[in-house]
Protein backbone atom coordinates (compact mmCIF):
# COMPACT_ATOMS: atom_id res chain seq x y z
CA MET A 1 -28.47 33.51 117.01
CA LEU A 2 -29.82 34.86 120.32
CA THR A 3 -29.22 31.52 122.02
CA CYS A 4 -25.61 31.36 120.88
CA MET A 5 -25.01 34.97 121.93
CA THR A 6 -26.50 34.19 125.35
CA PHE A 7 -24.18 31.22 125.83
CA LEU A 8 -21.19 33.27 124.70
CA ALA A 9 -22.12 36.11 127.08
CA VAL A 10 -22.50 33.71 130.02
CA THR A 11 -19.12 32.15 129.19
CA LEU A 12 -17.47 35.55 129.03
CA VAL A 13 -19.01 36.69 132.34
CA LEU A 14 -17.93 33.47 134.06
CA GLY A 15 -14.44 33.94 132.68
CA MET A 16 -14.33 37.44 134.13
CA LEU A 17 -15.70 36.31 137.50
CA THR A 18 -13.14 33.52 137.80
CA TRP A 19 -10.22 35.48 136.34
CA ASN A 20 -6.85 33.91 137.09
CA GLY A 21 -4.63 35.39 134.38
CA THR A 22 -3.61 33.86 131.09
CA VAL A 23 -5.03 30.44 131.91
CA THR A 24 -8.51 31.92 132.24
CA LEU A 25 -8.11 33.87 129.02
CA VAL A 26 -7.10 30.76 127.06
CA THR A 27 -9.78 28.48 128.54
CA THR A 28 -12.48 31.12 128.07
CA ALA A 29 -11.43 31.46 124.43
CA GLY A 30 -11.62 27.67 124.07
CA SER A 31 -15.08 27.58 125.60
CA MET A 32 -16.31 30.39 123.39
CA LEU A 33 -14.84 28.77 120.27
CA SER A 34 -16.53 25.44 121.06
CA THR A 35 -19.85 27.17 121.71
CA TYR A 36 -19.73 29.05 118.42
CA ALA A 37 -18.58 25.95 116.53
CA MET A 38 -21.38 23.79 117.89
CA PHE A 39 -24.00 26.33 116.89
CA TYR A 40 -22.75 27.37 113.46
CA MET A 41 -20.16 24.97 112.02
CA ARG A 42 -20.56 21.59 110.38
CA GLY A 43 -18.31 18.97 108.81
CA VAL A 44 -14.60 19.63 108.49
CA LEU A 45 -14.77 23.18 109.91
CA LEU A 46 -16.44 21.93 113.10
CA ARG A 47 -13.81 19.28 113.60
CA VAL A 48 -10.93 21.66 112.93
CA ALA A 49 -12.44 24.07 115.47
CA MET A 50 -12.58 21.21 118.00
CA ILE A 51 -8.87 20.55 117.40
CA GLY A 52 -8.30 24.21 118.27
CA VAL A 53 -10.45 23.87 121.38
CA ALA A 54 -8.44 20.84 122.51
CA ALA A 55 -5.22 22.80 121.97
CA LEU A 56 -6.51 25.77 123.99
CA TRP A 57 -7.61 23.52 126.85
CA MET A 58 -4.24 21.74 126.71
CA PHE A 59 -2.74 25.01 127.95
CA ASN A 60 -4.83 24.64 131.12
CA ALA A 61 -3.76 21.01 131.51
CA LEU A 62 -0.09 21.93 131.19
CA ALA A 63 -0.41 24.92 133.52
CA TYR A 64 -1.90 22.76 136.27
CA ASP A 65 0.17 19.64 135.47
CA SER A 66 -3.00 17.62 134.99
CA TRP A 67 -2.02 14.39 133.24
CA TRP A 68 -5.61 13.14 132.97
CA GLN A 69 -6.72 16.37 131.26
CA MET A 70 -3.73 16.13 128.90
CA ALA A 71 -4.80 12.59 127.98
CA ALA A 72 -8.42 13.69 127.48
CA ASN A 73 -7.35 16.62 125.29
CA LEU A 74 -5.16 14.34 123.19
CA LEU A 75 -8.04 11.90 122.73
CA ASN A 76 -10.46 14.73 121.94
CA GLY A 77 -8.09 16.37 119.47
CA GLY A 78 -7.29 13.01 117.88
CA ALA A 79 -10.97 12.17 117.46
CA ALA A 80 -11.60 15.60 115.94
CA ALA A 81 -8.66 15.18 113.55
CA TYR A 82 -9.90 11.73 112.51
CA GLY A 83 -13.40 13.12 112.01
CA ALA A 84 -12.05 16.01 109.93
CA TRP A 85 -10.09 13.58 107.78
CA ARG A 86 -13.15 11.38 107.24
CA SER A 87 -15.38 14.36 106.49
CA ALA A 88 -12.89 15.77 104.00
CA LYS A 89 -12.56 12.35 102.36
CA ALA A 90 -16.36 11.99 102.12
CA MET A 91 -16.72 15.50 100.68
CA ALA A 92 -14.04 14.79 98.09
CA ALA A 93 -15.72 11.50 97.10
CA SER A 94 -19.14 13.12 96.76
CA SER A 95 -17.84 15.92 94.53
CA VAL A 96 -16.27 13.51 92.00
């Protein structure tokens, strides 16, 4: 827990030091969500959180008109959605 809290604190401090308005708020939230998810979530919940992270970072890509980041976020979100679907399918099959 201490390690996760340390990473979250560092992310928050860096967000404050590089503050640039709403874009910083959204990307900092995305970074904090991904950090928490990697430490504490597994399976479908982890993948759904990663879809949320991709959506939050898409805001940054749109704000800066970064086509390559938009493509990367779409690929990342798509992979997370596919992983969530496969995990949910595997969980459903194992509970039958």
